[in-house]
Amino acid sequence: MPITKGNQAATASFIAVAIAIVSIIPGYIFWQATNGDVSLFLVGVIAPVILIGTVYTAIGEFARRRTRF
């Protein structure tokens, strides 16, 4: 089934959420490798979430602007 203009935004959102979930795993491993230092928690776990959230918003906005409902 081809991707239609009607579901491009949903597809982009799903892909971005999947990337966000997968990106948290290396951040958590990094945090555990540093013995759970609180300052590195911000770098290892919180920063990737903020970064992916920004990318998610950009992808969703791009798909929304290209889609005519």
PDB file of N, CA and C in Angstrom:
ATOM      1  N   MET A   1       0.844  -1.178   0.000  1.00  0.00           N
ATOM      2  CA  MET A   1       0.000   0.000   0.000  1.00  0.00           C
ATOM      3  C   MET A   1       0.889   1.240   0.000  1.00  0.00           C
ATOM      4  N   PRO A   2       0.738   2.113  -0.969  1.00  0.00           N
ATOM      5  CA  PRO A   2       1.586   3.306  -1.015  1.00  0.00           C
ATOM      6  C   PRO A   2       1.199   4.312   0.070  1.00  0.00           C
ATOM      7  N   ILE A   3       2.168   5.108   0.453  1.00  0.00           N
ATOM      8  CA  ILE A   3       1.909   6.150   1.443  1.00  0.00           C
ATOM      9  C   ILE A   3       1.241   7.319   0.729  1.00  0.00           C
ATOM     10  N   THR A   4       0.042   7.668   1.176  1.00  0.00           N
ATOM     11  CA  THR A   4      -0.690   8.774   0.571  1.00  0.00           C
ATOM     12  C   THR A   4      -0.394  10.059   1.328  1.00  0.00           C
ATOM     13  N   LYS A   5      -0.796  11.167   0.740  1.00  0.00           N
ATOM     14  CA  LYS A   5      -0.583  12.449   1.404  1.00  0.00           C
ATOM     15  C   LYS A   5      -1.332  12.521   2.725  1.00  0.00           C
ATOM     16  N   GLY A   6      -2.423  11.799   2.818  1.00  0.00           N
ATOM     17  CA  GLY A   6      -3.227  11.842   4.035  1.00  0.00           C
ATOM     18  C   GLY A   6      -2.557  11.247   5.247  1.00  0.00           C
ATOM     19  N   ASN A   7      -1.644  10.292   5.046  1.00  0.00           N
ATOM     20  CA  ASN A   7      -1.011   9.684   6.218  1.00  0.00           C
ATOM     21  C   ASN A   7       0.496   9.916   6.285  1.00  0.00           C
ATOM     22  N   GLN A   8       1.012  10.893   5.555  1.00  0.00           N
ATOM     23  CA  GLN A   8       2.438  11.213   5.635  1.00  0.00           C
ATOM     24  C   GLN A   8       2.823  11.730   7.017  1.00  0.00           C
ATOM     25  N   ALA A   9       1.995  12.601   7.580  1.00  0.00           N
ATOM     26  CA  ALA A   9       2.308  13.165   8.893  1.00  0.00           C
ATOM     27  C   ALA A   9       2.327  12.082   9.958  1.00  0.00           C
ATOM     28  N   ALA A  10       1.376  11.162   9.902  1.00  0.00           N
ATOM     29  CA  ALA A  10       1.338  10.075  10.880  1.00  0.00           C
ATOM     30  C   ALA A  10       2.546   9.162  10.729  1.00  0.00           C
ATOM     31  N   THR A  11       2.943   8.887   9.507  1.00  0.00           N
ATOM     32  CA  THR A  11       4.113   8.041   9.263  1.00  0.00           C
ATOM     33  C   THR A  11       5.380   8.712   9.779  1.00  0.00           C
ATOM     34  N   ALA A  12       5.549  10.000   9.506  1.00  0.00           N
ATOM     35  CA  ALA A  12       6.726  10.727   9.982  1.00  0.00           C
ATOM     36  C   ALA A  12       6.755  10.768  11.500  1.00  0.00           C
ATOM     37  N   SER A  13       5.604  10.959  12.127  1.00  0.00           N
ATOM     38  CA  SER A  13       5.539  10.988  13.582  1.00  0.00           C
ATOM     39  C   SER A  13       5.907   9.638  14.175  1.00  0.00           C
ATOM     40  N   PHE A  14       5.417   8.564  13.593  1.00  0.00           N
ATOM     41  CA  PHE A  14       5.722   7.216  14.082  1.00  0.00           C
ATOM     42  C   PHE A  14       7.216   6.938  13.992  1.00  0.00           C
ATOM     43  N   ILE A  15       7.832   7.306  12.876  1.00  0.00           N
ATOM     44  CA  ILE A  15       9.268   7.088  12.699  1.00  0.00           C
ATOM     45  C   ILE A  15      10.058   7.905  13.716  1.00  0.00           C
ATOM     46  N   ALA A  16       9.663   9.155  13.938  1.00  0.00           N
ATOM     47  CA  ALA A  16      10.375  10.008  14.885  1.00  0.00           C
ATOM     48  C   ALA A  16      10.265   9.476  16.309  1.00  0.00           C
ATOM     49  N   VAL A  17       9.097   8.981  16.692  1.00  0.00           N
ATOM     50  CA  VAL A  17       8.928   8.412  18.030  1.00  0.00           C
ATOM     51  C   VAL A  17       9.774   7.154  18.184  1.00  0.00           C
ATOM     52  N   ALA A  18       9.828   6.323  17.157  1.00  0.00           N
ATOM     53  CA  ALA A  18      10.664   5.113  17.219  1.00  0.00           C
ATOM     54  C   ALA A  18      12.134   5.484  17.377  1.00  0.00           C
ATOM     55  N   ILE A  19      12.592   6.500  16.665  1.00  0.00           N
ATOM     56  CA  ILE A  19      13.976   6.955  16.795  1.00  0.00           C
ATOM     57  C   ILE A  19      14.226   7.486  18.204  1.00  0.00           C
ATOM     58  N   ALA A  20      13.263   8.223  18.754  1.00  0.00           N
ATOM     59  CA  ALA A  20      13.418   8.765  20.103  1.00  0.00           C
ATOM     60  C   ALA A  20      13.557   7.654  21.134  1.00  0.00           C
ATOM     61  N   ILE A  21      12.742   6.622  21.022  1.00  0.00           N
ATOM     62  CA  ILE A  21      12.803   5.512  21.976  1.00  0.00           C
ATOM     63  C   ILE A  21      14.145   4.798  21.878  1.00  0.00           C
ATOM     64  N   VAL A  22      14.598   4.553  20.665  1.00  0.00           N
ATOM     65  CA  VAL A  22      15.874   3.856  20.475  1.00  0.00           C
ATOM     66  C   VAL A  22      17.043   4.721  20.943  1.00  0.00           C
ATOM     67  N   SER A  23      16.965   6.038  20.800  1.00  0.00           N
ATOM     68  CA  SER A  23      18.076   6.907  21.184  1.00  0.00           C
ATOM     69  C   SER A  23      18.246   7.001  22.692  1.00  0.00           C
ATOM     70  N   ILE A  24      17.208   6.715  23.450  1.00  0.00           N
ATOM     71  CA  ILE A  24      17.301   6.772  24.905  1.00  0.00           C
ATOM     72  C   ILE A  24      18.174   5.631  25.431  1.00  0.00           C
ATOM     73  N   ILE A  25      18.181   4.494  24.762  1.00  0.00           N
ATOM     74  CA  ILE A  25      18.916   3.318  25.236  1.00  0.00           C
ATOM     75  C   ILE A  25      20.426   3.587  25.339  1.00  0.00           C
ATOM     76  N   PRO A  26      21.095   4.117  24.295  1.00  0.00           N
ATOM     77  CA  PRO A  26      22.527   4.410  24.466  1.00  0.00           C
ATOM     78  C   PRO A  26      22.797   5.459  25.540  1.00  0.00           C
ATOM     79  N   GLY A  27      21.897   6.424  25.675  1.00  0.00           N
ATOM     80  CA  GLY A  27      22.048   7.432  26.728  1.00  0.00           C
ATOM     81  C   GLY A  27      21.985   6.808  28.107  1.00  0.00           C
ATOM     82  N   TYR A  28      21.076   5.875  28.301  1.00  0.00           N
ATOM     83  CA  TYR A  28      20.962   5.190  29.587  1.00  0.00           C
ATOM     84  C   TYR A  28      22.195   4.329  29.856  1.00  0.00           C
ATOM     85  N   ILE A  29      22.699   3.648  28.829  1.00  0.00           N
ATOM     86  CA  ILE A  29      23.913   2.833  28.983  1.00  0.00           C
ATOM     87  C   ILE A  29      25.099   3.733  29.348  1.00  0.00           C
ATOM     88  N   PHE A  30      25.209   4.879  28.691  1.00  0.00           N
ATOM     89  CA  PHE A  30      26.271   5.835  29.008  1.00  0.00           C
ATOM     90  C   PHE A  30      26.165   6.280  30.459  1.00  0.00           C
ATOM     91  N   TRP A  31      24.949   6.565  30.903  1.00  0.00           N
ATOM     92  CA  TRP A  31      24.736   7.017  32.280  1.00  0.00           C
ATOM     93  C   TRP A  31      25.134   5.931  33.269  1.00  0.00           C
ATOM     94  N   GLN A  32      24.769   4.688  33.005  1.00  0.00           N
ATOM     95  CA  GLN A  32      25.133   3.581  33.887  1.00  0.00           C
ATOM     96  C   GLN A  32      26.641   3.336  33.874  1.00  0.00           C
ATOM     97  N   ALA A  33      27.286   3.535  32.732  1.00  0.00           N
ATOM     98  CA  ALA A  33      28.732   3.329  32.636  1.00  0.00           C
ATOM     99  C   ALA A  33      29.508   4.354  33.455  1.00  0.00           C
ATOM    100  N   THR A  34      28.887   5.492  33.748  1.00  0.00           N
ATOM    101  CA  THR A  34      29.541   6.525  34.553  1.00  0.00           C
ATOM    102  C   THR A  34      29.108   6.438  36.006  1.00  0.00           C
ATOM    103  N   ASN A  35      28.609   5.280  36.413  1.00  0.00           N
ATOM    104  CA  ASN A  35      28.184   5.020  37.797  1.00  0.00           C
ATOM    105  C   ASN A  35      27.055   5.934  38.252  1.00  0.00           C
ATOM    106  N   GLY A  36      26.225   6.349  37.341  1.00  0.00           N
ATOM    107  CA  GLY A  36      25.018   7.093  37.686  1.00  0.00           C
ATOM    108  C   GLY A  36      25.253   8.499  38.184  1.00  0.00           C
ATOM    109  N   ASP A  37      26.304   9.160  37.731  1.00  0.00           N
ATOM    110  CA  ASP A  37      26.556  10.544  38.117  1.00  0.00           C
ATOM    111  C   ASP A  37      25.398  11.415  37.634  1.00  0.00           C
ATOM    112  N   VAL A  38      24.879  12.249  38.548  1.00  0.00           N
ATOM    113  CA  VAL A  38      23.673  13.020  38.233  1.00  0.00           C
ATOM    114  C   VAL A  38      23.912  14.019  37.106  1.00  0.00           C
ATOM    115  N   SER A  39      25.065  14.668  37.083  1.00  0.00           N
ATOM    116  CA  SER A  39      25.324  15.642  36.020  1.00  0.00           C
ATOM    117  C   SER A  39      25.416  14.958  34.659  1.00  0.00           C
ATOM    118  N   LEU A  40      25.960  13.735  34.632  1.00  0.00           N
ATOM    119  CA  LEU A  40      26.036  13.010  33.369  1.00  0.00           C
ATOM    120  C   LEU A  40      24.691  12.414  32.978  1.00  0.00           C
ATOM    121  N   PHE A  41      23.780  12.290  33.944  1.00  0.00           N
ATOM    122  CA  PHE A  41      22.420  11.865  33.618  1.00  0.00           C
ATOM    123  C   PHE A  41      21.791  12.861  32.657  1.00  0.00           C
ATOM    124  N   LEU A  42      22.038  14.143  32.901  1.00  0.00           N
ATOM    125  CA  LEU A  42      21.485  15.180  32.027  1.00  0.00           C
ATOM    126  C   LEU A  42      22.034  15.056  30.615  1.00  0.00           C
ATOM    127  N   VAL A  43      23.324  14.749  30.500  1.00  0.00           N
ATOM    128  CA  VAL A  43      23.946  14.620  29.184  1.00  0.00           C
ATOM    129  C   VAL A  43      23.528  13.320  28.511  1.00  0.00           C
ATOM    130  N   GLY A  44      23.509  12.229  29.271  1.00  0.00           N
ATOM    131  CA  GLY A  44      23.286  10.909  28.688  1.00  0.00           C
ATOM    132  C   GLY A  44      21.849  10.574  28.376  1.00  0.00           C
ATOM    133  N   VAL A  45      20.905  11.104  29.165  1.00  0.00           N
ATOM    134  CA  VAL A  45      19.505  10.709  28.989  1.00  0.00           C
ATOM    135  C   VAL A  45      18.615  11.883  28.590  1.00  0.00           C
ATOM    136  N   ILE A  46      18.739  12.999  29.296  1.00  0.00           N
ATOM    137  CA  ILE A  46      17.839  14.125  29.048  1.00  0.00           C
ATOM    138  C   ILE A  46      18.156  14.824  27.720  1.00  0.00           C
ATOM    139  N   ALA A  47      19.432  15.064  27.442  1.00  0.00           N
ATOM    140  CA  ALA A  47      19.803  15.768  26.205  1.00  0.00           C
ATOM    141  C   ALA A  47      19.345  15.044  24.939  1.00  0.00           C
ATOM    142  N   PRO A  48      19.526  13.713  24.829  1.00  0.00           N
ATOM    143  CA  PRO A  48      19.004  13.047  23.624  1.00  0.00           C
ATOM    144  C   PRO A  48      17.487  13.170  23.480  1.00  0.00           C
ATOM    145  N   VAL A  49      16.781  13.156  24.610  1.00  0.00           N
ATOM    146  CA  VAL A  49      15.321  13.292  24.547  1.00  0.00           C
ATOM    147  C   VAL A  49      14.947  14.672  24.009  1.00  0.00           C
ATOM    148  N   ILE A  50      15.622  15.710  24.484  1.00  0.00           N
ATOM    149  CA  ILE A  50      15.345  17.069  23.996  1.00  0.00           C
ATOM    150  C   ILE A  50      15.700  17.188  22.519  1.00  0.00           C
ATOM    151  N   LEU A  51      16.847  16.632  22.135  1.00  0.00           N
ATOM    152  CA  LEU A  51      17.270  16.691  20.739  1.00  0.00           C
ATOM    153  C   LEU A  51      16.285  15.978  19.824  1.00  0.00           C
ATOM    154  N   ILE A  52      15.895  14.775  20.203  1.00  0.00           N
ATOM    155  CA  ILE A  52      14.954  14.018  19.375  1.00  0.00           C
ATOM    156  C   ILE A  52      13.580  14.681  19.382  1.00  0.00           C
ATOM    157  N   GLY A  53      13.195  15.285  20.500  1.00  0.00           N
ATOM    158  CA  GLY A  53      11.936  16.023  20.533  1.00  0.00           C
ATOM    159  C   GLY A  53      11.930  17.167  19.532  1.00  0.00           C
ATOM    160  N   THR A  54      13.064  17.848  19.413  1.00  0.00           N
ATOM    161  CA  THR A  54      13.188  18.928  18.436  1.00  0.00           C
ATOM    162  C   THR A  54      13.095  18.390  17.017  1.00  0.00           C
ATOM    163  N   VAL A  55      13.788  17.285  16.757  1.00  0.00           N
ATOM    164  CA  VAL A  55      13.733  16.666  15.433  1.00  0.00           C
ATOM    165  C   VAL A  55      12.315  16.192  15.134  1.00  0.00           C
ATOM    166  N   TYR A  56      11.664  15.589  16.133  1.00  0.00           N
ATOM    167  CA  TYR A  56      10.286  15.115  15.978  1.00  0.00           C
ATOM    168  C   TYR A  56       9.363  16.268  15.579  1.00  0.00           C
ATOM    169  N   THR A  57       9.522  17.396  16.255  1.00  0.00           N
ATOM    170  CA  THR A  57       8.691  18.562  15.943  1.00  0.00           C
ATOM    171  C   THR A  57       8.949  19.050  14.519  1.00  0.00           C
ATOM    172  N   ALA A  58      10.214  19.090  14.119  1.00  0.00           N
ATOM    173  CA  ALA A  58      10.549  19.552  12.769  1.00  0.00           C
ATOM    174  C   ALA A  58       9.990  18.613  11.705  1.00  0.00           C
ATOM    175  N   ILE A  59      10.128  17.304  11.919  1.00  0.00           N
ATOM    176  CA  ILE A  59       9.602  16.334  10.945  1.00  0.00           C
ATOM    177  C   ILE A  59       8.083  16.440  10.856  1.00  0.00           C
ATOM    178  N   GLY A  60       7.431  16.519  12.005  1.00  0.00           N
ATOM    179  CA  GLY A  60       5.975  16.631  12.022  1.00  0.00           C
ATOM    180  C   GLY A  60       5.486  17.897  11.340  1.00  0.00           C
ATOM    181  N   GLU A  61       6.182  18.998  11.594  1.00  0.00           N
ATOM    182  CA  GLU A  61       5.801  20.270  10.970  1.00  0.00           C
ATOM    183  C   GLU A  61       6.022  20.218   9.462  1.00  0.00           C
ATOM    184  N   PHE A  62       7.138  19.642   9.038  1.00  0.00           N
ATOM    185  CA  PHE A  62       7.422  19.511   7.607  1.00  0.00           C
ATOM    186  C   PHE A  62       6.359  18.659   6.923  1.00  0.00           C
ATOM    187  N   ALA A  63       6.009  17.533   7.539  1.00  0.00           N
ATOM    188  CA  ALA A  63       4.997  16.653   6.948  1.00  0.00           C
ATOM    189  C   ALA A  63       3.624  17.325   6.944  1.00  0.00           C
ATOM    190  N   ARG A  64       3.332  18.078   8.004  1.00  0.00           N
ATOM    191  CA  ARG A  64       2.034  18.751   8.076  1.00  0.00           C
ATOM    192  C   ARG A  64       1.908  19.805   6.982  1.00  0.00           C
ATOM    193  N   ARG A  65       2.972  20.529   6.732  1.00  0.00           N
ATOM    194  CA  ARG A  65       2.921  21.571   5.703  1.00  0.00           C
ATOM    195  C   ARG A  65       2.814  20.995   4.301  1.00  0.00           C
ATOM    196  N   ARG A  66       3.334  19.793   4.101  1.00  0.00           N
ATOM    197  CA  ARG A  66       3.266  19.161   2.783  1.00  0.00           C
ATOM    198  C   ARG A  66       1.947  18.435   2.566  1.00  0.00           C
ATOM    199  N   THR A  67       1.168  18.260   3.624  1.00  0.00           N
ATOM    200  CA  THR A  67      -0.065  17.478   3.536  1.00  0.00           C
ATOM    201  C   THR A  67      -1.262  18.414   3.455  1.00  0.00           C
ATOM    202  N   ARG A  68      -2.149  18.137   2.532  1.00  0.00           N
ATOM    203  CA  ARG A  68      -3.401  18.902   2.424  1.00  0.00           C
ATOM    204  C   ARG A  68      -4.546  17.971   2.791  1.00  0.00           C
ATOM    205  N   PHE A  69      -5.168  18.282   3.930  1.00  0.00           N
ATOM    206  CA  PHE A  69      -6.258  17.419   4.410  1.00  0.00           C
ATOM    207  C   PHE A  69      -7.576  17.821   3.789  1.00  0.00           C
TER     208      PHE A  69
END
